[in-house]
């Protein structure tokens, strides 16, 4: 995703995705055969290394609530609390019976703090409205 954004001229989006990648694997180094030393992608990637590994921010007032019998993954890691690192995208997956039953791409910023429980409430409201209109 990061390289796609970079090649599409969206450097800020690329930087956010590189932070996510580096958070998951801070020791990653590009192989010289994959990316030449003078490639500008390498420079942008390395510039994001210092800010990639930061503490996750707890989302105050929110409870992590997965559907019954399911659990949530954040970037491939089991979520234990409603928290995420800010200023980067994340992938939330709902795992039910060993399979991915839903996926959500979120941007974790201080002003936008989506949670599974909020998504469920929205769906319930839409369902109720649809039932009333029948």
Foldseek 3Di string as FASTA:
>chain_A
DLVVCVVVVNNLQSLQALLVVCCVPLVDDDDCVRPPPPDVSNVSSVVSSVVNHDDWDADPPDFADAPPQKFKDKQNHTDDGQTGHADHKIKIFIAHPNDTPDIDIDHHHPVDRDHPVVVVVVVVVVVVVVVVVD
